[in-house]
């Protein structure tokens, strides 16, 4: 896995949990390997995050043959008290298909 060098320091705007959730929302049939590559994480870290999201009530999965199919549980409230919103709100913000003009309102 290739790490991108950062000249801006070590912090980022999103948690790894948010990145994994967004990848799953974009493609519910995605493989852990593909999520790990997209999020620059190990497969083991992605497995742990998926378990956290399932335990927290944000995600479920069903087995389809040899693969998992994930379902984000929409309407679930975000965990932090300062984050007044739902998973739906977060995913709408992270939807990379919307341009800056939609955020300007």
PDB file of N, CA and C in Angstrom:
ATOM      1  N   UNK A   1       0.852  -1.163   0.000  1.00  0.00           N
ATOM      2  CA  UNK A   1       0.000   0.000   0.000  1.00  0.00           C
ATOM      3  C   UNK A   1       0.905   1.236   0.000  1.00  0.00           C
ATOM      4  N   UNK A   2       0.608   2.148  -0.871  1.00  0.00           N
ATOM      5  CA  UNK A   2       1.422   3.347  -1.022  1.00  0.00           C
ATOM      6  C   UNK A   2       0.831   4.488  -0.202  1.00  0.00           C
ATOM      7  N   UNK A   3       1.658   5.100   0.635  1.00  0.00           N
ATOM      8  CA  UNK A   3       1.235   6.251   1.424  1.00  0.00           C
ATOM      9  C   UNK A   3       1.538   7.525   0.654  1.00  0.00           C
ATOM     10  N   UNK A   4       0.644   8.480   0.729  1.00  0.00           N
ATOM     11  CA  UNK A   4       0.874   9.771   0.092  1.00  0.00           C
ATOM     12  C   UNK A   4       1.598  10.682   1.068  1.00  0.00           C
ATOM     13  N   UNK A   5       2.692  11.295   0.647  1.00  0.00           N
ATOM     14  CA  UNK A   5       3.372  12.214   1.552  1.00  0.00           C
ATOM     15  C   UNK A   5       2.509  13.448   1.795  1.00  0.00           C
ATOM     16  N   UNK A   6       2.564  13.955   2.997  1.00  0.00           N
ATOM     17  CA  UNK A   6       1.765  15.119   3.333  1.00  0.00           C
ATOM     18  C   UNK A   6       2.664  16.249   3.800  1.00  0.00           C
ATOM     19  N   UNK A   7       2.505  17.394   3.170  1.00  0.00           N
ATOM     20  CA  UNK A   7       3.253  18.561   3.603  1.00  0.00           C
ATOM     21  C   UNK A   7       2.431  19.384   4.583  1.00  0.00           C
ATOM     22  N   UNK A   8       1.213  18.951   4.877  1.00  0.00           N
ATOM     23  CA  UNK A   8       0.301  19.705   5.725  1.00  0.00           C
ATOM     24  C   UNK A   8       0.251  19.196   7.163  1.00  0.00           C
ATOM     25  N   UNK A   9       1.074  18.253   7.536  1.00  0.00           N
ATOM     26  CA  UNK A   9       1.027  17.715   8.886  1.00  0.00           C
ATOM     27  C   UNK A   9       0.347  16.367   8.921  1.00  0.00           C
ATOM     28  N   UNK A  10      -0.051  15.951  10.116  1.00  0.00           N
ATOM     29  CA  UNK A  10      -0.561  14.590  10.265  1.00  0.00           C
ATOM     30  C   UNK A  10      -2.065  14.494  10.485  1.00  0.00           C
ATOM     31  N   UNK A  11      -2.774  15.609  10.650  1.00  0.00           N
ATOM     32  CA  UNK A  11      -4.204  15.505  10.904  1.00  0.00           C
ATOM     33  C   UNK A  11      -4.986  15.539   9.597  1.00  0.00           C
ATOM     34  N   UNK A  12      -6.191  15.003   9.644  1.00  0.00           N
ATOM     35  CA  UNK A  12      -7.085  15.022   8.488  1.00  0.00           C
ATOM     36  C   UNK A  12      -8.481  15.426   8.954  1.00  0.00           C
ATOM     37  N   UNK A  13      -9.335  15.766   8.019  1.00  0.00           N
ATOM     38  CA  UNK A  13     -10.694  16.193   8.354  1.00  0.00           C
ATOM     39  C   UNK A  13     -11.609  15.027   8.706  1.00  0.00           C
ATOM     40  N   UNK A  14     -11.382  13.879   8.126  1.00  0.00           N
ATOM     41  CA  UNK A  14     -12.283  12.748   8.320  1.00  0.00           C
ATOM     42  C   UNK A  14     -11.617  11.629   9.105  1.00  0.00           C
ATOM     43  N   UNK A  15     -12.420  10.894   9.844  1.00  0.00           N
ATOM     44  CA  UNK A  15     -11.912   9.703  10.518  1.00  0.00           C
ATOM     45  C   UNK A  15     -11.892   8.546   9.527  1.00  0.00           C
ATOM     46  N   UNK A  16     -11.157   7.520   9.855  1.00  0.00           N
ATOM     47  CA  UNK A  16     -11.150   6.323   9.020  1.00  0.00           C
ATOM     48  C   UNK A  16     -12.533   5.683   8.986  1.00  0.00           C
ATOM     49  N   UNK A  17     -13.285   5.796  10.072  1.00  0.00           N
ATOM     50  CA  UNK A  17     -14.640   5.252  10.100  1.00  0.00           C
ATOM     51  C   UNK A  17     -15.519   5.950   9.063  1.00  0.00           C
ATOM     52  N   UNK A  18     -15.399   7.269   8.959  1.00  0.00           N
ATOM     53  CA  UNK A  18     -16.190   8.010   7.970  1.00  0.00           C
ATOM     54  C   UNK A  18     -15.779   7.619   6.557  1.00  0.00           C
ATOM     55  N   UNK A  19     -14.489   7.441   6.335  1.00  0.00           N
ATOM     56  CA  UNK A  19     -14.021   7.050   4.996  1.00  0.00           C
ATOM     57  C   UNK A  19     -14.549   5.678   4.596  1.00  0.00           C
ATOM     58  N   UNK A  20     -14.471   4.724   5.516  1.00  0.00           N
ATOM     59  CA  UNK A  20     -14.958   3.365   5.230  1.00  0.00           C
ATOM     60  C   UNK A  20     -16.460   3.392   4.982  1.00  0.00           C
ATOM     61  N   UNK A  21     -17.203   4.100   5.822  1.00  0.00           N
ATOM     62  CA  UNK A  21     -18.649   4.193   5.644  1.00  0.00           C
ATOM     63  C   UNK A  21     -18.999   4.799   4.291  1.00  0.00           C
ATOM     64  N   UNK A  22     -18.287   5.839   3.889  1.00  0.00           N
ATOM     65  CA  UNK A  22     -18.546   6.478   2.595  1.00  0.00           C
ATOM     66  C   UNK A  22     -18.258   5.520   1.443  1.00  0.00           C
ATOM     67  N   UNK A  23     -17.187   4.747   1.535  1.00  0.00           N
ATOM     68  CA  UNK A  23     -16.869   3.773   0.476  1.00  0.00           C
ATOM     69  C   UNK A  23     -17.965   2.722   0.364  1.00  0.00           C
ATOM     70  N   UNK A  24     -18.438   2.255   1.509  1.00  0.00           N
ATOM     71  CA  UNK A  24     -19.504   1.248   1.496  1.00  0.00           C
ATOM     72  C   UNK A  24     -20.802   1.842   0.950  1.00  0.00           C
ATOM     73  N   UNK A  25     -21.106   3.077   1.303  1.00  0.00           N
ATOM     74  CA  UNK A  25     -22.321   3.722   0.796  1.00  0.00           C
ATOM     75  C   UNK A  25     -22.262   3.865  -0.725  1.00  0.00           C
ATOM     76  N   UNK A  26     -21.087   4.140  -1.263  1.00  0.00           N
ATOM     77  CA  UNK A  26     -20.927   4.283  -2.720  1.00  0.00           C
ATOM     78  C   UNK A  26     -21.069   2.947  -3.435  1.00  0.00           C
ATOM     79  N   UNK A  27     -20.608   1.869  -2.789  1.00  0.00           N
ATOM     80  CA  UNK A  27     -20.652   0.545  -3.413  1.00  0.00           C
ATOM     81  C   UNK A  27     -20.877  -0.514  -2.338  1.00  0.00           C
ATOM     82  N   UNK A  28     -22.129  -0.860  -2.044  1.00  0.00           N
ATOM     83  CA  UNK A  28     -22.432  -1.820  -0.978  1.00  0.00           C
ATOM     84  C   UNK A  28     -21.862  -3.224  -1.205  1.00  0.00           C
ATOM     85  N   UNK A  29     -21.466  -3.540  -2.408  1.00  0.00           N
ATOM     86  CA  UNK A  29     -20.898  -4.848  -2.695  1.00  0.00           C
ATOM     87  C   UNK A  29     -19.381  -4.841  -2.749  1.00  0.00           C
ATOM     88  N   UNK A  30     -18.772  -3.761  -2.347  1.00  0.00           N
ATOM     89  CA  UNK A  30     -17.326  -3.628  -2.430  1.00  0.00           C
ATOM     90  C   UNK A  30     -16.614  -4.617  -1.508  1.00  0.00           C
ATOM     91  N   UNK A  31     -15.402  -4.982  -1.885  1.00  0.00           N
ATOM     92  CA  UNK A  31     -14.598  -5.904  -1.087  1.00  0.00           C
ATOM     93  C   UNK A  31     -13.764  -5.135  -0.070  1.00  0.00           C
ATOM     94  N   UNK A  32     -13.466  -5.789   1.038  1.00  0.00           N
ATOM     95  CA  UNK A  32     -12.615  -5.175   2.067  1.00  0.00           C
ATOM     96  C   UNK A  32     -11.288  -4.744   1.463  1.00  0.00           C
ATOM     97  N   UNK A  33     -10.748  -5.541   0.575  1.00  0.00           N
ATOM     98  CA  UNK A  33      -9.482  -5.204  -0.079  1.00  0.00           C
ATOM     99  C   UNK A  33      -9.584  -3.881  -0.838  1.00  0.00           C
ATOM    100  N   UNK A  34     -10.701  -3.680  -1.521  1.00  0.00           N
ATOM    101  CA  UNK A  34     -10.887  -2.443  -2.291  1.00  0.00           C
ATOM    102  C   UNK A  34     -11.107  -1.237  -1.375  1.00  0.00           C
ATOM    103  N   UNK A  35     -11.821  -1.445  -0.276  1.00  0.00           N
ATOM    104  CA  UNK A  35     -12.008  -0.366   0.697  1.00  0.00           C
ATOM    105  C   UNK A  35     -10.655   0.027   1.273  1.00  0.00           C
ATOM    106  N   UNK A  36      -9.861  -0.964   1.637  1.00  0.00           N
ATOM    107  CA  UNK A  36      -8.541  -0.703   2.215  1.00  0.00           C
ATOM    108  C   UNK A  36      -7.670   0.102   1.256  1.00  0.00           C
ATOM    109  N   UNK A  37      -7.687  -0.259  -0.001  1.00  0.00           N
ATOM    110  CA  UNK A  37      -6.894   0.462  -1.001  1.00  0.00           C
ATOM    111  C   UNK A  37      -7.372   1.899  -1.139  1.00  0.00           C
ATOM    112  N   UNK A  38      -8.676   2.088  -1.231  1.00  0.00           N
ATOM    113  CA  UNK A  38      -9.238   3.431  -1.413  1.00  0.00           C
ATOM    114  C   UNK A  38      -8.988   4.330  -0.203  1.00  0.00           C
ATOM    115  N   UNK A  39      -8.991   3.738   0.987  1.00  0.00           N
ATOM    116  CA  UNK A  39      -8.853   4.523   2.219  1.00  0.00           C
ATOM    117  C   UNK A  39      -7.416   4.557   2.749  1.00  0.00           C
ATOM    118  N   UNK A  40      -6.505   3.906   2.044  1.00  0.00           N
ATOM    119  CA  UNK A  40      -5.099   3.821   2.468  1.00  0.00           C
ATOM    120  C   UNK A  40      -4.970   3.195   3.852  1.00  0.00           C
ATOM    121  N   UNK A  41      -5.697   2.088   4.047  1.00  0.00           N
ATOM    122  CA  UNK A  41      -5.686   1.345   5.302  1.00  0.00           C
ATOM    123  C   UNK A  41      -5.329  -0.105   5.036  1.00  0.00           C
ATOM    124  N   UNK A  42      -5.041  -0.838   6.097  1.00  0.00           N
ATOM    125  CA  UNK A  42      -4.838  -2.272   5.940  1.00  0.00           C
ATOM    126  C   UNK A  42      -6.204  -2.966   5.919  1.00  0.00           C
ATOM    127  N   UNK A  43      -6.248  -4.166   5.370  1.00  0.00           N
ATOM    128  CA  UNK A  43      -7.501  -4.923   5.357  1.00  0.00           C
ATOM    129  C   UNK A  43      -7.958  -5.210   6.786  1.00  0.00           C
ATOM    130  N   UNK A  44      -7.003  -5.475   7.662  1.00  0.00           N
ATOM    131  CA  UNK A  44      -7.327  -5.753   9.066  1.00  0.00           C
ATOM    132  C   UNK A  44      -7.983  -4.534   9.721  1.00  0.00           C
ATOM    133  N   UNK A  45      -7.465  -3.344   9.437  1.00  0.00           N
ATOM    134  CA  UNK A  45      -8.044  -2.117   9.994  1.00  0.00           C
ATOM    135  C   UNK A  45      -9.467  -1.915   9.477  1.00  0.00           C
ATOM    136  N   UNK A  46      -9.694  -2.192   8.204  1.00  0.00           N
ATOM    137  CA  UNK A  46     -11.033  -2.053   7.626  1.00  0.00           C
ATOM    138  C   UNK A  46     -11.990  -3.052   8.269  1.00  0.00           C
ATOM    139  N   UNK A  47     -11.540  -4.283   8.487  1.00  0.00           N
ATOM    140  CA  UNK A  47     -12.388  -5.279   9.149  1.00  0.00           C
ATOM    141  C   UNK A  47     -12.802  -4.798  10.538  1.00  0.00           C
ATOM    142  N   UNK A  48     -11.871  -4.220  11.273  1.00  0.00           N
ATOM    143  CA  UNK A  48     -12.152  -3.714  12.619  1.00  0.00           C
ATOM    144  C   UNK A  48     -13.154  -2.555  12.557  1.00  0.00           C
ATOM    145  N   UNK A  49     -12.972  -1.659  11.599  1.00  0.00           N
ATOM    146  CA  UNK A  49     -13.873  -0.519  11.455  1.00  0.00           C
ATOM    147  C   UNK A  49     -15.278  -0.986  11.086  1.00  0.00           C
ATOM    148  N   UNK A  50     -15.377  -1.945  10.178  1.00  0.00           N
ATOM    149  CA  UNK A  50     -16.687  -2.487   9.803  1.00  0.00           C
ATOM    150  C   UNK A  50     -17.371  -3.103  11.020  1.00  0.00           C
ATOM    151  N   UNK A  51     -16.619  -3.829  11.845  1.00  0.00           N
ATOM    152  CA  UNK A  51     -17.173  -4.395  13.079  1.00  0.00           C
ATOM    153  C   UNK A  51     -17.670  -3.284  14.000  1.00  0.00           C
ATOM    154  N   UNK A  52     -16.872  -2.221  14.151  1.00  0.00           N
ATOM    155  CA  UNK A  52     -17.285  -1.075  14.969  1.00  0.00           C
ATOM    156  C   UNK A  52     -18.592  -0.475  14.441  1.00  0.00           C
ATOM    157  N   UNK A  53     -18.670  -0.288  13.120  1.00  0.00           N
ATOM    158  CA  UNK A  53     -19.864   0.317  12.515  1.00  0.00           C
ATOM    159  C   UNK A  53     -21.080  -0.582  12.685  1.00  0.00           C
ATOM    160  N   UNK A  54     -20.885  -1.893  12.574  1.00  0.00           N
ATOM    161  CA  UNK A  54     -22.003  -2.821  12.786  1.00  0.00           C
ATOM    162  C   UNK A  54     -22.428  -2.817  14.250  1.00  0.00           C
ATOM    163  N   UNK A  55     -21.456  -2.875  15.159  1.00  0.00           N
ATOM    164  CA  UNK A  55     -21.765  -2.866  16.593  1.00  0.00           C
ATOM    165  C   UNK A  55     -22.454  -1.560  17.001  1.00  0.00           C
ATOM    166  N   UNK A  56     -22.120  -0.464  16.329  1.00  0.00           N
ATOM    167  CA  UNK A  56     -22.711   0.833  16.629  1.00  0.00           C
ATOM    168  C   UNK A  56     -24.072   1.049  15.989  1.00  0.00           C
ATOM    169  N   UNK A  57     -24.510   0.107  15.163  1.00  0.00           N
ATOM    170  CA  UNK A  57     -25.826   0.211  14.539  1.00  0.00           C
ATOM    171  C   UNK A  57     -25.861   1.043  13.269  1.00  0.00           C
ATOM    172  N   UNK A  58     -24.701   1.259  12.650  1.00  0.00           N
ATOM    173  CA  UNK A  58     -24.622   2.072  11.442  1.00  0.00           C
ATOM    174  C   UNK A  58     -24.607   1.247  10.155  1.00  0.00           C
ATOM    175  N   UNK A  59     -24.410  -0.054  10.295  1.00  0.00           N
ATOM    176  CA  UNK A  59     -24.150  -0.897   9.136  1.00  0.00           C
ATOM    177  C   UNK A  59     -24.572  -2.323   9.434  1.00  0.00           C
ATOM    178  N   UNK A  60     -25.064  -3.015   8.413  1.00  0.00           N
ATOM    179  CA  UNK A  60     -25.293  -4.462   8.505  1.00  0.00           C
ATOM    180  C   UNK A  60     -24.695  -5.095   7.254  1.00  0.00           C
ATOM    181  N   UNK A  61     -24.534  -6.400   7.298  1.00  0.00           N
ATOM    182  CA  UNK A  61     -24.082  -7.094   6.096  1.00  0.00           C
ATOM    183  C   UNK A  61     -24.784  -8.437   5.990  1.00  0.00           C
ATOM    184  N   UNK A  62     -24.935  -8.876   4.749  1.00  0.00           N
ATOM    185  CA  UNK A  62     -25.447 -10.206   4.466  1.00  0.00           C
ATOM    186  C   UNK A  62     -24.455 -10.897   3.554  1.00  0.00           C
ATOM    187  N   UNK A  63     -24.365 -12.173   3.727  1.00  0.00           N
ATOM    188  CA  UNK A  63     -23.456 -12.973   2.913  1.00  0.00           C
ATOM    189  C   UNK A  63     -24.165 -13.345   1.621  1.00  0.00           C
ATOM    190  N   UNK A  64     -23.518 -13.101   0.484  1.00  0.00           N
ATOM    191  CA  UNK A  64     -24.046 -13.484  -0.829  1.00  0.00           C
ATOM    192  C   UNK A  64     -22.987 -14.299  -1.533  1.00  0.00           C
ATOM    193  N   UNK A  65     -23.128 -15.613  -1.418  1.00  0.00           N
ATOM    194  CA  UNK A  65     -22.104 -16.487  -1.985  1.00  0.00           C
ATOM    195  C   UNK A  65     -20.807 -16.315  -1.215  1.00  0.00           C
ATOM    196  N   UNK A  66     -19.769 -15.905  -1.925  1.00  0.00           N
ATOM    197  CA  UNK A  66     -18.463 -15.708  -1.301  1.00  0.00           C
ATOM    198  C   UNK A  66     -18.204 -14.261  -0.903  1.00  0.00           C
ATOM    199  N   UNK A  67     -19.177 -13.403  -1.104  1.00  0.00           N
ATOM    200  CA  UNK A  67     -18.967 -11.982  -0.821  1.00  0.00           C
ATOM    201  C   UNK A  67     -19.990 -11.461   0.189  1.00  0.00           C
ATOM    202  N   UNK A  68     -19.677 -10.329   0.763  1.00  0.00           N
ATOM    203  CA  UNK A  68     -20.596  -9.636   1.658  1.00  0.00           C
ATOM    204  C   UNK A  68     -21.269  -8.501   0.899  1.00  0.00           C
ATOM    205  N   UNK A  69     -22.503  -8.244   1.246  1.00  0.00           N
ATOM    206  CA  UNK A  69     -23.217  -7.085   0.734  1.00  0.00           C
ATOM    207  C   UNK A  69     -23.603  -6.259   1.956  1.00  0.00           C
ATOM    208  N   UNK A  70     -23.187  -5.008   1.967  1.00  0.00           N
ATOM    209  CA  UNK A  70     -23.382  -4.132   3.118  1.00  0.00           C
ATOM    210  C   UNK A  70     -24.600  -3.242   2.922  1.00  0.00           C
ATOM    211  N   UNK A  71     -25.183  -2.833   4.039  1.00  0.00           N
ATOM    212  CA  UNK A  71     -26.297  -1.885   4.011  1.00  0.00           C
ATOM    213  C   UNK A  71     -26.082  -0.860   5.107  1.00  0.00           C
ATOM    214  N   UNK A  72     -25.981   0.393   4.711  1.00  0.00           N
ATOM    215  CA  UNK A  72     -25.884   1.489   5.669  1.00  0.00           C
ATOM    216  C   UNK A  72     -27.271   1.726   6.230  1.00  0.00           C
ATOM    217  N   UNK A  73     -27.371   1.844   7.537  1.00  0.00           N
ATOM    218  CA  UNK A  73     -28.657   2.059   8.182  1.00  0.00           C
ATOM    219  C   UNK A  73     -28.901   3.565   8.251  1.00  0.00           C
ATOM    220  N   UNK A  74     -29.670   4.047   7.289  1.00  0.00           N
ATOM    221  CA  UNK A  74     -29.941   5.472   7.183  1.00  0.00           C
ATOM    222  C   UNK A  74     -30.789   5.942   8.361  1.00  0.00           C
ATOM    223  N   UNK A  75     -30.617   7.189   8.714  1.00  0.00           N
ATOM    224  CA  UNK A  75     -31.370   7.771   9.822  1.00  0.00           C
ATOM    225  C   UNK A  75     -30.683   7.620  11.167  1.00  0.00           C
ATOM    226  N   UNK A  76     -29.610   6.845  11.209  1.00  0.00           N
ATOM    227  CA  UNK A  76     -28.891   6.651  12.465  1.00  0.00           C
ATOM    228  C   UNK A  76     -28.192   7.948  12.856  1.00  0.00           C
ATOM    229  N   UNK A  77     -28.356   8.342  14.109  1.00  0.00           N
ATOM    230  CA  UNK A  77     -27.771   9.584  14.608  1.00  0.00           C
ATOM    231  C   UNK A  77     -26.254   9.443  14.719  1.00  0.00           C
ATOM    232  N   UNK A  78     -25.545  10.527  14.437  1.00  0.00           N
ATOM    233  CA  UNK A  78     -24.096  10.548  14.604  1.00  0.00           C
ATOM    234  C   UNK A  78     -23.765  10.506  16.095  1.00  0.00           C
ATOM    235  N   UNK A  79     -22.596   9.979  16.425  1.00  0.00           N
ATOM    236  CA  UNK A  79     -22.264   9.677  17.819  1.00  0.00           C
ATOM    237  C   UNK A  79     -21.882  10.881  18.665  1.00  0.00           C
ATOM    238  N   UNK A  80     -21.167  11.823  18.107  1.00  0.00           N
ATOM    239  CA  UNK A  80     -20.651  12.931  18.911  1.00  0.00           C
ATOM    240  C   UNK A  80     -21.739  13.968  19.148  1.00  0.00           C
ATOM    241  N   UNK A  81     -21.860  14.470  20.375  1.00  0.00           N
ATOM    242  CA  UNK A  81     -22.912  15.454  20.676  1.00  0.00           C
ATOM    243  C   UNK A  81     -22.849  16.716  19.811  1.00  0.00           C
ATOM    244  N   UNK A  82     -21.673  17.085  19.366  1.00  0.00           N
ATOM    245  CA  UNK A  82     -21.542  18.286  18.533  1.00  0.00           C
ATOM    246  C   UNK A  82     -21.963  18.035  17.090  1.00  0.00           C
ATOM    247  N   UNK A  83     -22.069  16.770  16.709  1.00  0.00           N
ATOM    248  CA  UNK A  83     -22.464  16.407  15.347  1.00  0.00           C
ATOM    249  C   UNK A  83     -23.969  16.205  15.311  1.00  0.00           C
ATOM    250  N   UNK A  84     -24.692  17.283  15.177  1.00  0.00           N
ATOM    251  CA  UNK A  84     -26.148  17.229  15.194  1.00  0.00           C
ATOM    252  C   UNK A  84     -26.645  16.810  13.814  1.00  0.00           C
ATOM    253  N   UNK A  85     -26.818  15.526  13.624  1.00  0.00           N
ATOM    254  CA  UNK A  85     -27.277  15.039  12.329  1.00  0.00           C
ATOM    255  C   UNK A  85     -27.304  13.532  12.283  1.00  0.00           C
ATOM    256  N   UNK A  86     -27.528  13.023  11.083  1.00  0.00           N
ATOM    257  CA  UNK A  86     -27.625  11.581  10.867  1.00  0.00           C
ATOM    258  C   UNK A  86     -26.574  11.124   9.863  1.00  0.00           C
ATOM    259  N   UNK A  87     -26.478   9.825   9.726  1.00  0.00           N
ATOM    260  CA  UNK A  87     -25.590   9.247   8.725  1.00  0.00           C
ATOM    261  C   UNK A  87     -25.943   9.776   7.340  1.00  0.00           C
ATOM    262  N   UNK A  88     -27.231   9.954   7.081  1.00  0.00           N
ATOM    263  CA  UNK A  88     -27.683  10.488   5.787  1.00  0.00           C
ATOM    264  C   UNK A  88     -27.048  11.847   5.514  1.00  0.00           C
ATOM    265  N   UNK A  89     -27.048  12.706   6.546  1.00  0.00           N
ATOM    266  CA  UNK A  89     -26.473  14.044   6.408  1.00  0.00           C
ATOM    267  C   UNK A  89     -24.982  13.965   6.082  1.00  0.00           C
ATOM    268  N   UNK A  90     -24.280  13.106   6.813  1.00  0.00           N
ATOM    269  CA  UNK A  90     -22.846  12.945   6.591  1.00  0.00           C
ATOM    270  C   UNK A  90     -22.561  12.462   5.177  1.00  0.00           C
ATOM    271  N   UNK A  91     -23.286  11.449   4.747  1.00  0.00           N
ATOM    272  CA  UNK A  91     -23.054  10.894   3.414  1.00  0.00           C
ATOM    273  C   UNK A  91     -23.393  11.899   2.318  1.00  0.00           C
ATOM    274  N   UNK A  92     -24.400  12.718   2.546  1.00  0.00           N
ATOM    275  CA  UNK A  92     -24.743  13.750   1.564  1.00  0.00           C
ATOM    276  C   UNK A  92     -23.600  14.751   1.424  1.00  0.00           C
ATOM    277  N   UNK A  93     -22.977  15.106   2.531  1.00  0.00           N
ATOM    278  CA  UNK A  93     -21.845  16.027   2.491  1.00  0.00           C
ATOM    279  C   UNK A  93     -20.651  15.391   1.783  1.00  0.00           C
ATOM    280  N   UNK A  94     -20.440  14.114   2.030  1.00  0.00           N
ATOM    281  CA  UNK A  94     -19.277  13.426   1.471  1.00  0.00           C
ATOM    282  C   UNK A  94     -19.471  12.963   0.035  1.00  0.00           C
ATOM    283  N   UNK A  95     -20.680  13.079  -0.477  1.00  0.00           N
ATOM    284  CA  UNK A  95     -20.959  12.649  -1.841  1.00  0.00           C
ATOM    285  C   UNK A  95     -20.095  13.462  -2.798  1.00  0.00           C
ATOM    286  N   UNK A  96     -19.093  12.831  -3.359  1.00  0.00           N
ATOM    287  CA  UNK A  96     -18.120  13.534  -4.211  1.00  0.00           C
ATOM    288  C   UNK A  96     -18.701  13.955  -5.556  1.00  0.00           C
ATOM    289  N   UNK A  97     -19.908  13.532  -5.859  1.00  0.00           N
ATOM    290  CA  UNK A  97     -20.519  13.909  -7.137  1.00  0.00           C
ATOM    291  C   UNK A  97     -21.071  15.324  -7.106  1.00  0.00           C
ATOM    292  N   UNK A  98     -21.355  15.826  -5.899  1.00  0.00           N
ATOM    293  CA  UNK A  98     -21.868  17.197  -5.820  1.00  0.00           C
ATOM    294  C   UNK A  98     -20.699  18.156  -5.821  1.00  0.00           C
ATOM    295  N   UNK A  99     -20.856  19.230  -6.532  1.00  0.00           N
ATOM    296  CA  UNK A  99     -19.793  20.201  -6.669  1.00  0.00           C
ATOM    297  C   UNK A  99     -19.884  21.288  -5.619  1.00  0.00           C
ATOM    298  N   UNK A 100     -18.919  22.200  -5.608  1.00  0.00           N
ATOM    299  CA  UNK A 100     -18.909  23.280  -4.622  1.00  0.00           C
ATOM    300  C   UNK A 100     -20.131  24.182  -4.740  1.00  0.00           C
ATOM    301  N   UNK A 101     -20.728  24.258  -5.921  1.00  0.00           N
ATOM    302  CA  UNK A 101     -21.894  25.122  -6.078  1.00  0.00           C
ATOM    303  C   UNK A 101     -23.076  24.626  -5.266  1.00  0.00           C
ATOM    304  N   UNK A 102     -23.177  23.298  -5.032  1.00  0.00           N
ATOM    305  CA  UNK A 102     -24.289  22.800  -4.250  1.00  0.00           C
ATOM    306  C   UNK A 102     -24.078  23.083  -2.773  1.00  0.00           C
ATOM    307  N   UNK A 103     -22.844  23.199  -2.330  1.00  0.00           N
ATOM    308  CA  UNK A 103     -22.562  23.499  -0.933  1.00  0.00           C
ATOM    309  C   UNK A 103     -22.780  24.983  -0.637  1.00  0.00           C
ATOM    310  N   UNK A 104     -22.662  25.830  -1.651  1.00  0.00           N
ATOM    311  CA  UNK A 104     -22.806  27.257  -1.441  1.00  0.00           C
ATOM    312  C   UNK A 104     -24.254  27.655  -1.200  1.00  0.00           C
ATOM    313  N   UNK A 105     -25.177  26.819  -1.714  1.00  0.00           N
ATOM    314  CA  UNK A 105     -26.607  27.036  -1.498  1.00  0.00           C
ATOM    315  C   UNK A 105     -27.100  28.179  -2.245  1.00  0.00           C
TER     316      UNK A 105
END
